[in-house]
Amino acid sequence: IKGAVAVAGCIYRLRVGASKEDVRAYASRFYDLNFTLDDIRERYTFD
């Protein structure tokens, strides 16, 4: 449910003109986004 709420909220915000920075701030209410794809690429596994 948390994931669905976060995704729906991100899409709504972008649809009405939010920036990527706005989306990062919003999504950070739900998840720790203190990583980059390069940071996790080597160790990321099926989840």
ModelCIF file with pLDDT and N, C-alpha, C, O atoms, coordinates in Angstrom:
data_MODEL
#
_entry.id   MODEL 
#
_entity.id                         1 
_entity.type                       polymer 
_entity.pdbx_number_of_molecules   1 
#
_entity_poly.entity_id                      1 
_entity_poly.type                           'polypeptide(L)' 
_entity_poly.nstd_linkage                   no 
_entity_poly.nstd_monomer                   no 
_entity_poly.pdbx_seq_one_letter_code       IKGAVAVAGCIYRLRVGASKEDVRAYASRFYDLNFTLDDIRERYTFD 
_entity_poly.pdbx_seq_one_letter_code_can   IKGAVAVAGCIYRLRVGASKEDVRAYASRFYDLNFTLDDIRERYTFD 
_entity_poly.pdbx_strand_id                 A 
#
loop_
_entity_poly_seq.entity_id 
_entity_poly_seq.num 
_entity_poly_seq.mon_id 
_entity_poly_seq.hetero 
1 1  ILE n 
1 2  LYS n 
1 3  GLY n 
1 4  ALA n 
1 5  VAL n 
1 6  ALA n 
1 7  VAL n 
1 8  ALA n 
1 9  GLY n 
1 10 CYS n 
1 11 ILE n 
1 12 TYR n 
1 13 ARG n 
1 14 LEU n 
1 15 ARG n 
1 16 VAL n 
1 17 GLY n 
1 18 ALA n 
1 19 SER n 
1 20 LYS n 
1 21 GLU n 
1 22 ASP n 
1 23 VAL n 
1 24 ARG n 
1 25 ALA n 
1 26 TYR n 
1 27 ALA n 
1 28 SER n 
1 29 ARG n 
1 30 PHE n 
1 31 TYR n 
1 32 ASP n 
1 33 LEU n 
1 34 ASN n 
1 35 PHE n 
1 36 THR n 
1 37 LEU n 
1 38 ASP n 
1 39 ASP n 
1 40 ILE n 
1 41 ARG n 
1 42 GLU n 
1 43 ARG n 
1 44 TYR n 
1 45 THR n 
1 46 PHE n 
1 47 ASP n 
#
_struct_asym.id          A 
_struct_asym.entity_id   1 
#
loop_
_ma_qa_metric.id 
_ma_qa_metric.mode 
_ma_qa_metric.name 
_ma_qa_metric.software_group_id 
_ma_qa_metric.type 
1 global pLDDT . pLDDT 
2 local  pLDDT . pLDDT 
#
_ma_qa_metric_global.metric_id      1 
_ma_qa_metric_global.metric_value   96.32 
_ma_qa_metric_global.model_id       1 
_ma_qa_metric_global.ordinal_id     1 
#
loop_
_ma_qa_metric_local.label_asym_id 
_ma_qa_metric_local.label_comp_id 
_ma_qa_metric_local.label_seq_id 
_ma_qa_metric_local.metric_id 
_ma_qa_metric_local.metric_value 
_ma_qa_metric_local.model_id 
_ma_qa_metric_local.ordinal_id 
A ILE 1  2 95.00 1 1  
A LYS 2  2 96.00 1 2  
A GLY 3  2 96.00 1 3  
A ALA 4  2 96.00 1 4  
A VAL 5  2 97.00 1 5  
A ALA 6  2 98.00 1 6  
A VAL 7  2 98.00 1 7  
A ALA 8  2 98.00 1 8  
A GLY 9  2 98.00 1 9  
A CYS 10 2 98.00 1 10 
A ILE 11 2 98.00 1 11 
A TYR 12 2 98.00 1 12 
A ARG 13 2 98.00 1 13 
A LEU 14 2 98.00 1 14 
A ARG 15 2 96.00 1 15 
A VAL 16 2 97.00 1 16 
A GLY 17 2 97.00 1 17 
A ALA 18 2 98.00 1 18 
A SER 19 2 98.00 1 19 
A LYS 20 2 98.00 1 20 
A GLU 21 2 98.00 1 21 
A ASP 22 2 98.00 1 22 
A VAL 23 2 98.00 1 23 
A ARG 24 2 98.00 1 24 
A ALA 25 2 98.00 1 25 
A TYR 26 2 98.00 1 26 
A ALA 27 2 98.00 1 27 
A SER 28 2 98.00 1 28 
A ARG 29 2 98.00 1 29 
A PHE 30 2 98.00 1 30 
A TYR 31 2 98.00 1 31 
A ASP 32 2 97.00 1 32 
A LEU 33 2 97.00 1 33 
A ASN 34 2 97.00 1 34 
A PHE 35 2 97.00 1 35 
A THR 36 2 97.00 1 36 
A LEU 37 2 97.00 1 37 
A ASP 38 2 96.00 1 38 
A ASP 39 2 96.00 1 39 
A ILE 40 2 95.00 1 40 
A ARG 41 2 93.00 1 41 
A GLU 42 2 91.00 1 42 
A ARG 43 2 93.00 1 43 
A TYR 44 2 92.00 1 44 
A THR 45 2 91.00 1 45 
A PHE 46 2 88.00 1 46 
A ASP 47 2 86.00 1 47 
#
loop_
_atom_site.group_PDB 
_atom_site.id 
_atom_site.type_symbol 
_atom_site.label_atom_id 
_atom_site.label_alt_id 
_atom_site.label_comp_id 
_atom_site.label_asym_id 
_atom_site.label_entity_id 
_atom_site.label_seq_id 
_atom_site.pdbx_PDB_ins_code 
_atom_site.Cartn_x 
_atom_site.Cartn_y 
_atom_site.Cartn_z 
_atom_site.occupancy 
_atom_site.B_iso_or_equiv 
_atom_site.pdbx_formal_charge 
_atom_site.auth_seq_id 
_atom_site.auth_comp_id 
_atom_site.auth_asym_id 
_atom_site.auth_atom_id 
_atom_site.pdbx_PDB_model_num 
ATOM 1   N N  . ILE A 1 1  ? 0.844  -1.198  0.000   1.00 95.00 ? 1  ILE A N  1 
ATOM 2   C CA . ILE A 1 1  ? 0.000  0.000   0.000   1.00 95.00 ? 1  ILE A CA 1 
ATOM 3   C C  . ILE A 1 1  ? 0.879  1.247   0.000   1.00 95.00 ? 1  ILE A C  1 
ATOM 4   O O  . ILE A 1 1  ? 0.601  2.203   -0.725  1.00 95.00 ? 1  ILE A O  1 
ATOM 5   N N  . LYS A 1 2  ? 1.934  1.242   0.808   1.00 96.00 ? 2  LYS A N  1 
ATOM 6   C CA . LYS A 1 2  ? 2.851  2.384   0.842   1.00 96.00 ? 2  LYS A CA 1 
ATOM 7   C C  . LYS A 1 2  ? 3.455  2.634   -0.536  1.00 96.00 ? 2  LYS A C  1 
ATOM 8   O O  . LYS A 1 2  ? 3.552  3.782   -0.970  1.00 96.00 ? 2  LYS A O  1 
ATOM 9   N N  . GLY A 1 3  ? 3.860  1.577   -1.223  1.00 96.00 ? 3  GLY A N  1 
ATOM 10  C CA . GLY A 1 3  ? 4.433  1.720   -2.559  1.00 96.00 ? 3  GLY A CA 1 
ATOM 11  C C  . GLY A 1 3  ? 3.445  2.299   -3.545  1.00 96.00 ? 3  GLY A C  1 
ATOM 12  O O  . GLY A 1 3  ? 3.796  3.170   -4.342  1.00 96.00 ? 3  GLY A O  1 
ATOM 13  N N  . ALA A 1 4  ? 2.209  1.822   -3.500  1.00 96.00 ? 4  ALA A N  1 
ATOM 14  C CA . ALA A 1 4  ? 1.180  2.324   -4.408  1.00 96.00 ? 4  ALA A CA 1 
ATOM 15  C C  . ALA A 1 4  ? 0.874  3.791   -4.138  1.00 96.00 ? 4  ALA A C  1 
ATOM 16  O O  . ALA A 1 4  ? 0.717  4.578   -5.072  1.00 96.00 ? 4  ALA A O  1 
ATOM 17  N N  . VAL A 1 5  ? 0.791  4.153   -2.889  1.00 97.00 ? 5  VAL A N  1 
ATOM 18  C CA . VAL A 1 5  ? 0.531  5.544   -2.511  1.00 97.00 ? 5  VAL A CA 1 
ATOM 19  C C  . VAL A 1 5  ? 1.666  6.437   -3.017  1.00 97.00 ? 5  VAL A C  1 
ATOM 20  O O  . VAL A 1 5  ? 1.420  7.502   -3.583  1.00 97.00 ? 5  VAL A O  1 
ATOM 21  N N  . ALA A 1 6  ? 2.903  5.998   -2.811  1.00 98.00 ? 6  ALA A N  1 
ATOM 22  C CA . ALA A 1 6  ? 4.062  6.790   -3.242  1.00 98.00 ? 6  ALA A CA 1 
ATOM 23  C C  . ALA A 1 6  ? 4.071  6.970   -4.761  1.00 98.00 ? 6  ALA A C  1 
ATOM 24  O O  . ALA A 1 6  ? 4.286  8.079   -5.250  1.00 98.00 ? 6  ALA A O  1 
ATOM 25  N N  . VAL A 1 7  ? 3.839  5.891   -5.507  1.00 98.00 ? 7  VAL A N  1 
ATOM 26  C CA . VAL A 1 7  ? 3.861  5.973   -6.962  1.00 98.00 ? 7  VAL A CA 1 
ATOM 27  C C  . VAL A 1 7  ? 2.720  6.860   -7.471  1.00 98.00 ? 7  VAL A C  1 
ATOM 28  O O  . VAL A 1 7  ? 2.942  7.723   -8.320  1.00 98.00 ? 7  VAL A O  1 
ATOM 29  N N  . ALA A 1 8  ? 1.525  6.658   -6.968  1.00 98.00 ? 8  ALA A N  1 
ATOM 30  C CA . ALA A 1 8  ? 0.392  7.490   -7.395  1.00 98.00 ? 8  ALA A CA 1 
ATOM 31  C C  . ALA A 1 8  ? 0.659  8.959   -7.074  1.00 98.00 ? 8  ALA A C  1 
ATOM 32  O O  . ALA A 1 8  ? 0.357  9.838   -7.881  1.00 98.00 ? 8  ALA A O  1 
ATOM 33  N N  . GLY A 1 9  ? 1.222  9.221   -5.902  1.00 98.00 ? 9  GLY A N  1 
ATOM 34  C CA . GLY A 1 9  ? 1.533  10.597  -5.518  1.00 98.00 ? 9  GLY A CA 1 
ATOM 35  C C  . GLY A 1 9  ? 2.593  11.220  -6.402  1.00 98.00 ? 9  GLY A C  1 
ATOM 36  O O  . GLY A 1 9  ? 2.492  12.395  -6.755  1.00 98.00 ? 9  GLY A O  1 
ATOM 37  N N  . CYS A 1 10 ? 3.613  10.450  -6.766  1.00 98.00 ? 10 CYS A N  1 
ATOM 38  C CA . CYS A 1 10 ? 4.651  10.962  -7.674  1.00 98.00 ? 10 CYS A CA 1 
ATOM 39  C C  . CYS A 1 10 ? 4.046  11.321  -9.027  1.00 98.00 ? 10 CYS A C  1 
ATOM 40  O O  . CYS A 1 10 ? 4.311  12.395  -9.569  1.00 98.00 ? 10 CYS A O  1 
ATOM 41  N N  . ILE A 1 11 ? 3.235  10.420  -9.566  1.00 98.00 ? 11 ILE A N  1 
ATOM 42  C CA . ILE A 1 11 ? 2.633  10.653  -10.880 1.00 98.00 ? 11 ILE A CA 1 
ATOM 43  C C  . ILE A 1 11 ? 1.720  11.876  -10.846 1.00 98.00 ? 11 ILE A C  1 
ATOM 44  O O  . ILE A 1 11 ? 1.781  12.720  -11.740 1.00 98.00 ? 11 ILE A O  1 
ATOM 45  N N  . TYR A 1 12 ? 0.882  11.975  -9.830  1.00 98.00 ? 12 TYR A N  1 
ATOM 46  C CA . TYR A 1 12 ? 0.004  13.141  -9.746  1.00 98.00 ? 12 TYR A CA 1 
ATOM 47  C C  . TYR A 1 12 ? 0.833  14.423  -9.727  1.00 98.00 ? 12 TYR A C  1 
ATOM 48  O O  . TYR A 1 12 ? 0.542  15.362  -10.468 1.00 98.00 ? 12 TYR A O  1 
ATOM 49  N N  . ARG A 1 13 ? 1.853  14.465  -8.892  1.00 98.00 ? 13 ARG A N  1 
ATOM 50  C CA . ARG A 1 13 ? 2.663  15.676  -8.772  1.00 98.00 ? 13 ARG A CA 1 
ATOM 51  C C  . ARG A 1 13 ? 3.329  16.047  -10.099 1.00 98.00 ? 13 ARG A C  1 
ATOM 52  O O  . ARG A 1 13 ? 3.350  17.217  -10.481 1.00 98.00 ? 13 ARG A O  1 
ATOM 53  N N  . LEU A 1 14 ? 3.870  15.049  -10.796 1.00 98.00 ? 14 LEU A N  1 
ATOM 54  C CA . LEU A 1 14 ? 4.491  15.335  -12.091 1.00 98.00 ? 14 LEU A CA 1 
ATOM 55  C C  . LEU A 1 14 ? 3.454  15.808  -13.103 1.00 98.00 ? 14 LEU A C  1 
ATOM 56  O O  . LEU A 1 14 ? 3.717  16.711  -13.899 1.00 98.00 ? 14 LEU A O  1 
ATOM 57  N N  . ARG A 1 15 ? 2.299  15.206  -13.068 1.00 96.00 ? 15 ARG A N  1 
ATOM 58  C CA . ARG A 1 15 ? 1.232  15.555  -14.010 1.00 96.00 ? 15 ARG A CA 1 
ATOM 59  C C  . ARG A 1 15 ? 0.820  17.016  -13.868 1.00 96.00 ? 15 ARG A C  1 
ATOM 60  O O  . ARG A 1 15 ? 0.420  17.646  -14.848 1.00 96.00 ? 15 ARG A O  1 
ATOM 61  N N  . VAL A 1 16 ? 0.914  17.558  -12.658 1.00 97.00 ? 16 VAL A N  1 
ATOM 62  C CA . VAL A 1 16 ? 0.500  18.952  -12.452 1.00 97.00 ? 16 VAL A CA 1 
ATOM 63  C C  . VAL A 1 16 ? 1.693  19.906  -12.415 1.00 97.00 ? 16 VAL A C  1 
ATOM 64  O O  . VAL A 1 16 ? 1.551  21.061  -12.014 1.00 97.00 ? 16 VAL A O  1 
ATOM 65  N N  . GLY A 1 17 ? 2.883  19.421  -12.835 1.00 97.00 ? 17 GLY A N  1 
ATOM 66  C CA . GLY A 1 17 ? 4.011  20.325  -13.020 1.00 97.00 ? 17 GLY A CA 1 
ATOM 67  C C  . GLY A 1 17 ? 5.136  20.270  -12.015 1.00 97.00 ? 17 GLY A C  1 
ATOM 68  O O  . GLY A 1 17 ? 6.003  21.144  -12.032 1.00 97.00 ? 17 GLY A O  1 
ATOM 69  N N  . ALA A 1 18 ? 5.163  19.291  -11.146 1.00 98.00 ? 18 ALA A N  1 
ATOM 70  C CA . ALA A 1 18 ? 6.246  19.198  -10.165 1.00 98.00 ? 18 ALA A CA 1 
ATOM 71  C C  . ALA A 1 18 ? 7.573  18.901  -10.865 1.00 98.00 ? 18 ALA A C  1 
ATOM 72  O O  . ALA A 1 18 ? 7.602  18.332  -11.956 1.00 98.00 ? 18 ALA A O  1 
ATOM 73  N N  . SER A 1 19 ? 8.651  19.292  -10.224 1.00 98.00 ? 19 SER A N  1 
ATOM 74  C CA . SER A 1 19 ? 9.998  19.014  -10.728 1.00 98.00 ? 19 SER A CA 1 
ATOM 75  C C  . SER A 1 19 ? 10.491 17.680  -10.171 1.00 98.00 ? 19 SER A C  1 
ATOM 76  O O  . SER A 1 19 ? 9.874  17.092  -9.283  1.00 98.00 ? 19 SER A O  1 
ATOM 77  N N  . LYS A 1 20 ? 11.599 17.225  -10.706 1.00 98.00 ? 20 LYS A N  1 
ATOM 78  C CA . LYS A 1 20 ? 12.204 16.010  -10.163 1.00 98.00 ? 20 LYS A CA 1 
ATOM 79  C C  . LYS A 1 20 ? 12.606 16.217  -8.699  1.00 98.00 ? 20 LYS A C  1 
ATOM 80  O O  . LYS A 1 20 ? 12.495 15.296  -7.890  1.00 98.00 ? 20 LYS A O  1 
ATOM 81  N N  . GLU A 1 21 ? 13.063 17.402  -8.364  1.00 98.00 ? 21 GLU A N  1 
ATOM 82  C CA . GLU A 1 21 ? 13.433 17.689  -6.972  1.00 98.00 ? 21 GLU A CA 1 
ATOM 83  C C  . GLU A 1 21 ? 12.214 17.582  -6.064  1.00 98.00 ? 21 GLU A C  1 
ATOM 84  O O  . GLU A 1 21 ? 12.303 17.059  -4.953  1.00 98.00 ? 21 GLU A O  1 
ATOM 85  N N  . ASP A 1 22 ? 11.075 18.078  -6.541  1.00 98.00 ? 22 ASP A N  1 
ATOM 86  C CA . ASP A 1 22 ? 9.832  17.960  -5.777  1.00 98.00 ? 22 ASP A CA 1 
ATOM 87  C C  . ASP A 1 22 ? 9.466  16.491  -5.559  1.00 98.00 ? 22 ASP A C  1 
ATOM 88  O O  . ASP A 1 22 ? 9.059  16.094  -4.467  1.00 98.00 ? 22 ASP A O  1 
ATOM 89  N N  . VAL A 1 23 ? 9.618  15.700  -6.608  1.00 98.00 ? 23 VAL A N  1 
ATOM 90  C CA . VAL A 1 23 ? 9.294  14.273  -6.514  1.00 98.00 ? 23 VAL A CA 1 
ATOM 91  C C  . VAL A 1 23 ? 10.243 13.574  -5.554  1.00 98.00 ? 23 VAL A C  1 
ATOM 92  O O  . VAL A 1 23 ? 9.814  12.739  -4.757  1.00 98.00 ? 23 VAL A O  1 
ATOM 93  N N  . ARG A 1 24 ? 11.522 13.904  -5.621  1.00 98.00 ? 24 ARG A N  1 
ATOM 94  C CA . ARG A 1 24 ? 12.483 13.304  -4.679  1.00 98.00 ? 24 ARG A CA 1 
ATOM 95  C C  . ARG A 1 24 ? 12.085 13.637  -3.235  1.00 98.00 ? 24 ARG A C  1 
ATOM 96  O O  . ARG A 1 24 ? 12.095 12.760  -2.372  1.00 98.00 ? 24 ARG A O  1 
ATOM 97  N N  . ALA A 1 25 ? 11.742 14.883  -2.978  1.00 98.00 ? 25 ALA A N  1 
ATOM 98  C CA . ALA A 1 25 ? 11.339 15.280  -1.625  1.00 98.00 ? 25 ALA A CA 1 
ATOM 99  C C  . ALA A 1 25 ? 10.077 14.537  -1.193  1.00 98.00 ? 25 ALA A C  1 
ATOM 100 O O  . ALA A 1 25 ? 9.991  14.062  -0.060  1.00 98.00 ? 25 ALA A O  1 
ATOM 101 N N  . TYR A 1 26 ? 9.102  14.436  -2.090  1.00 98.00 ? 26 TYR A N  1 
ATOM 102 C CA . TYR A 1 26 ? 7.868  13.733  -1.764  1.00 98.00 ? 26 TYR A CA 1 
ATOM 103 C C  . TYR A 1 26 ? 8.139  12.253  -1.503  1.00 98.00 ? 26 TYR A C  1 
ATOM 104 O O  . TYR A 1 26 ? 7.722  11.722  -0.474  1.00 98.00 ? 26 TYR A O  1 
ATOM 105 N N  . ALA A 1 27 ? 8.826  11.589  -2.417  1.00 98.00 ? 27 ALA A N  1 
ATOM 106 C CA . ALA A 1 27 ? 9.075  10.149  -2.280  1.00 98.00 ? 27 ALA A CA 1 
ATOM 107 C C  . ALA A 1 27 ? 9.947  9.835   -1.066  1.00 98.00 ? 27 ALA A C  1 
ATOM 108 O O  . ALA A 1 27 ? 9.873  8.739   -0.512  1.00 98.00 ? 27 ALA A O  1 
ATOM 109 N N  . SER A 1 28 ? 10.760 10.781  -0.661  1.00 98.00 ? 28 SER A N  1 
ATOM 110 C CA . SER A 1 28 ? 11.610 10.574  0.519   1.00 98.00 ? 28 SER A CA 1 
ATOM 111 C C  . SER A 1 28 ? 10.806 10.511  1.808   1.00 98.00 ? 28 SER A C  1 
ATOM 112 O O  . SER A 1 28 ? 11.324 10.092  2.843   1.00 98.00 ? 28 SER A O  1 
ATOM 113 N N  . ARG A 1 29 ? 9.559  10.918  1.756   1.00 98.00 ? 29 ARG A N  1 
ATOM 114 C CA . ARG A 1 29 ? 8.668  10.732  2.907   1.00 98.00 ? 29 ARG A CA 1 
ATOM 115 C C  . ARG A 1 29 ? 8.368  9.252   3.121   1.00 98.00 ? 29 ARG A C  1 
ATOM 116 O O  . ARG A 1 29 ? 8.041  8.832   4.231   1.00 98.00 ? 29 ARG A O  1 
ATOM 117 N N  . PHE A 1 30 ? 8.481  8.464   2.054   1.00 98.00 ? 30 PHE A N  1 
ATOM 118 C CA . PHE A 1 30 ? 8.147  7.041   2.100   1.00 98.00 ? 30 PHE A CA 1 
ATOM 119 C C  . PHE A 1 30 ? 9.382  6.148   2.139   1.00 98.00 ? 30 PHE A C  1 
ATOM 120 O O  . PHE A 1 30 ? 9.386  5.111   2.802   1.00 98.00 ? 30 PHE A O  1 
ATOM 121 N N  . TYR A 1 31 ? 10.434 6.560   1.423   1.00 98.00 ? 31 TYR A N  1 
ATOM 122 C CA . TYR A 1 31 ? 11.616 5.710   1.236   1.00 98.00 ? 31 TYR A CA 1 
ATOM 123 C C  . TYR A 1 31 ? 12.898 6.515   1.384   1.00 98.00 ? 31 TYR A C  1 
ATOM 124 O O  . TYR A 1 31 ? 12.931 7.716   1.118   1.00 98.00 ? 31 TYR A O  1 
ATOM 125 N N  . ASP A 1 32 ? 13.951 5.830   1.813   1.00 97.00 ? 32 ASP A N  1 
ATOM 126 C CA . ASP A 1 32 ? 15.290 6.411   1.842   1.00 97.00 ? 32 ASP A CA 1 
ATOM 127 C C  . ASP A 1 32 ? 15.826 6.374   0.417   1.00 97.00 ? 32 ASP A C  1 
ATOM 128 O O  . ASP A 1 32 ? 16.059 5.299   -0.136  1.00 97.00 ? 32 ASP A O  1 
ATOM 129 N N  . LEU A 1 33 ? 16.018 7.522   -0.163  1.00 97.00 ? 33 LEU A N  1 
ATOM 130 C CA . LEU A 1 33 ? 16.518 7.616   -1.535  1.00 97.00 ? 33 LEU A CA 1 
ATOM 131 C C  . LEU A 1 33 ? 17.965 8.107   -1.559  1.00 97.00 ? 33 LEU A C  1 
ATOM 132 O O  . LEU A 1 33 ? 18.404 8.702   -2.543  1.00 97.00 ? 33 LEU A O  1 
ATOM 133 N N  . ASN A 1 34 ? 18.685 7.864   -0.502  1.00 97.00 ? 34 ASN A N  1 
ATOM 134 C CA . ASN A 1 34 ? 20.084 8.280   -0.433  1.00 97.00 ? 34 ASN A CA 1 
ATOM 135 C C  . ASN A 1 34 ? 20.991 7.230   -1.068  1.00 97.00 ? 34 ASN A C  1 
ATOM 136 O O  . ASN A 1 34 ? 21.861 6.660   -0.408  1.00 97.00 ? 34 ASN A O  1 
ATOM 137 N N  . PHE A 1 35 ? 20.774 6.983   -2.362  1.00 97.00 ? 35 PHE A N  1 
ATOM 138 C CA . PHE A 1 35 ? 21.605 6.061   -3.133  1.00 97.00 ? 35 PHE A CA 1 
ATOM 139 C C  . PHE A 1 35 ? 21.479 6.456   -4.594  1.00 97.00 ? 35 PHE A C  1 
ATOM 140 O O  . PHE A 1 35 ? 20.561 7.182   -4.976  1.00 97.00 ? 35 PHE A O  1 
ATOM 141 N N  . THR A 1 36 ? 22.391 5.980   -5.393  1.00 97.00 ? 36 THR A N  1 
ATOM 142 C CA . THR A 1 36 ? 22.285 6.109   -6.839  1.00 97.00 ? 36 THR A CA 1 
ATOM 143 C C  . THR A 1 36 ? 22.214 4.696   -7.410  1.00 97.00 ? 36 THR A C  1 
ATOM 144 O O  . THR A 1 36 ? 22.527 3.721   -6.727  1.00 97.00 ? 36 THR A O  1 
ATOM 145 N N  . LEU A 1 37 ? 21.807 4.603   -8.643  1.00 97.00 ? 37 LEU A N  1 
ATOM 146 C CA . LEU A 1 37 ? 21.778 3.288   -9.288  1.00 97.00 ? 37 LEU A CA 1 
ATOM 147 C C  . LEU A 1 37 ? 23.174 2.697   -9.383  1.00 97.00 ? 37 LEU A C  1 
ATOM 148 O O  . LEU A 1 37 ? 23.349 1.487   -9.235  1.00 97.00 ? 37 LEU A O  1 
ATOM 149 N N  . ASP A 1 38 ? 24.171 3.542   -9.629  1.00 96.00 ? 38 ASP A N  1 
ATOM 150 C CA . ASP A 1 38 ? 25.554 3.045   -9.639  1.00 96.00 ? 38 ASP A CA 1 
ATOM 151 C C  . ASP A 1 38 ? 25.960 2.460   -8.287  1.00 96.00 ? 38 ASP A C  1 
ATOM 152 O O  . ASP A 1 38 ? 26.722 1.496   -8.224  1.00 96.00 ? 38 ASP A O  1 
ATOM 153 N N  . ASP A 1 39 ? 25.444 3.052   -7.205  1.00 96.00 ? 39 ASP A N  1 
ATOM 154 C CA . ASP A 1 39 ? 25.758 2.543   -5.861  1.00 96.00 ? 39 ASP A CA 1 
ATOM 155 C C  . ASP A 1 39 ? 25.253 1.120   -5.656  1.00 96.00 ? 39 ASP A C  1 
ATOM 156 O O  . ASP A 1 39 ? 25.907 0.324   -4.982  1.00 96.00 ? 39 ASP A O  1 
ATOM 157 N N  . ILE A 1 40 ? 24.108 0.793   -6.223  1.00 95.00 ? 40 ILE A N  1 
ATOM 158 C CA . ILE A 1 40 ? 23.481 -0.502  -5.933  1.00 95.00 ? 40 ILE A CA 1 
ATOM 159 C C  . ILE A 1 40 ? 23.617 -1.527  -7.052  1.00 95.00 ? 40 ILE A C  1 
ATOM 160 O O  . ILE A 1 40 ? 23.353 -2.709  -6.833  1.00 95.00 ? 40 ILE A O  1 
ATOM 161 N N  . ARG A 1 41 ? 24.017 -1.110  -8.223  1.00 93.00 ? 41 ARG A N  1 
ATOM 162 C CA . ARG A 1 41 ? 23.987 -1.989  -9.402  1.00 93.00 ? 41 ARG A CA 1 
ATOM 163 C C  . ARG A 1 41 ? 24.726 -3.313  -9.176  1.00 93.00 ? 41 ARG A C  1 
ATOM 164 O O  . ARG A 1 41 ? 24.204 -4.365  -9.545  1.00 93.00 ? 41 ARG A O  1 
ATOM 165 N N  . GLU A 1 42 ? 25.891 -3.291  -8.598  1.00 91.00 ? 42 GLU A N  1 
ATOM 166 C CA . GLU A 1 42 ? 26.694 -4.506  -8.433  1.00 91.00 ? 42 GLU A CA 1 
ATOM 167 C C  . GLU A 1 42 ? 26.113 -5.476  -7.415  1.00 91.00 ? 42 GLU A C  1 
ATOM 168 O O  . GLU A 1 42 ? 26.311 -6.685  -7.537  1.00 91.00 ? 42 GLU A O  1 
ATOM 169 N N  . ARG A 1 43 ? 25.408 -4.975  -6.424  1.00 93.00 ? 43 ARG A N  1 
ATOM 170 C CA . ARG A 1 43 ? 24.929 -5.842  -5.354  1.00 93.00 ? 43 ARG A CA 1 
ATOM 171 C C  . ARG A 1 43 ? 23.418 -6.035  -5.331  1.00 93.00 ? 43 ARG A C  1 
ATOM 172 O O  . ARG A 1 43 ? 22.902 -6.795  -4.512  1.00 93.00 ? 43 ARG A O  1 
ATOM 173 N N  . TYR A 1 44 ? 22.711 -5.354  -6.219  1.00 92.00 ? 44 TYR A N  1 
ATOM 174 C CA . TYR A 1 44 ? 21.259 -5.453  -6.227  1.00 92.00 ? 44 TYR A CA 1 
ATOM 175 C C  . TYR A 1 44 ? 20.846 -6.835  -6.722  1.00 92.00 ? 44 TYR A C  1 
ATOM 176 O O  . TYR A 1 44 ? 21.390 -7.340  -7.704  1.00 92.00 ? 44 TYR A O  1 
ATOM 177 N N  . THR A 1 45 ? 19.888 -7.438  -6.039  1.00 91.00 ? 45 THR A N  1 
ATOM 178 C CA . THR A 1 45 ? 19.394 -8.760  -6.429  1.00 91.00 ? 45 THR A CA 1 
ATOM 179 C C  . THR A 1 45 ? 17.880 -8.731  -6.566  1.00 91.00 ? 45 THR A C  1 
ATOM 180 O O  . THR A 1 45 ? 17.225 -7.748  -6.217  1.00 91.00 ? 45 THR A O  1 
ATOM 181 N N  . PHE A 1 46 ? 17.341 -9.820  -7.078  1.00 88.00 ? 46 PHE A N  1 
ATOM 182 C CA . PHE A 1 46 ? 15.904 -9.953  -7.273  1.00 88.00 ? 46 PHE A CA 1 
ATOM 183 C C  . PHE A 1 46 ? 15.192 -9.766  -5.935  1.00 88.00 ? 46 PHE A C  1 
ATOM 184 O O  . PHE A 1 46 ? 15.508 -10.444 -4.956  1.00 88.00 ? 46 PHE A O  1 
ATOM 185 N N  . ASP A 1 47 ? 14.236 -8.849  -5.899  1.00 86.00 ? 47 ASP A N  1 
ATOM 186 C CA . ASP A 1 47 ? 13.486 -8.564  -4.675  1.00 86.00 ? 47 ASP A CA 1 
ATOM 187 C C  . ASP A 1 47 ? 12.084 -8.146  -5.107  1.00 86.00 ? 47 ASP A C  1 
ATOM 188 O O  . ASP A 1 47 ? 11.240 -7.848  -4.262  1.00 86.00 ? 47 ASP A O  1 
#
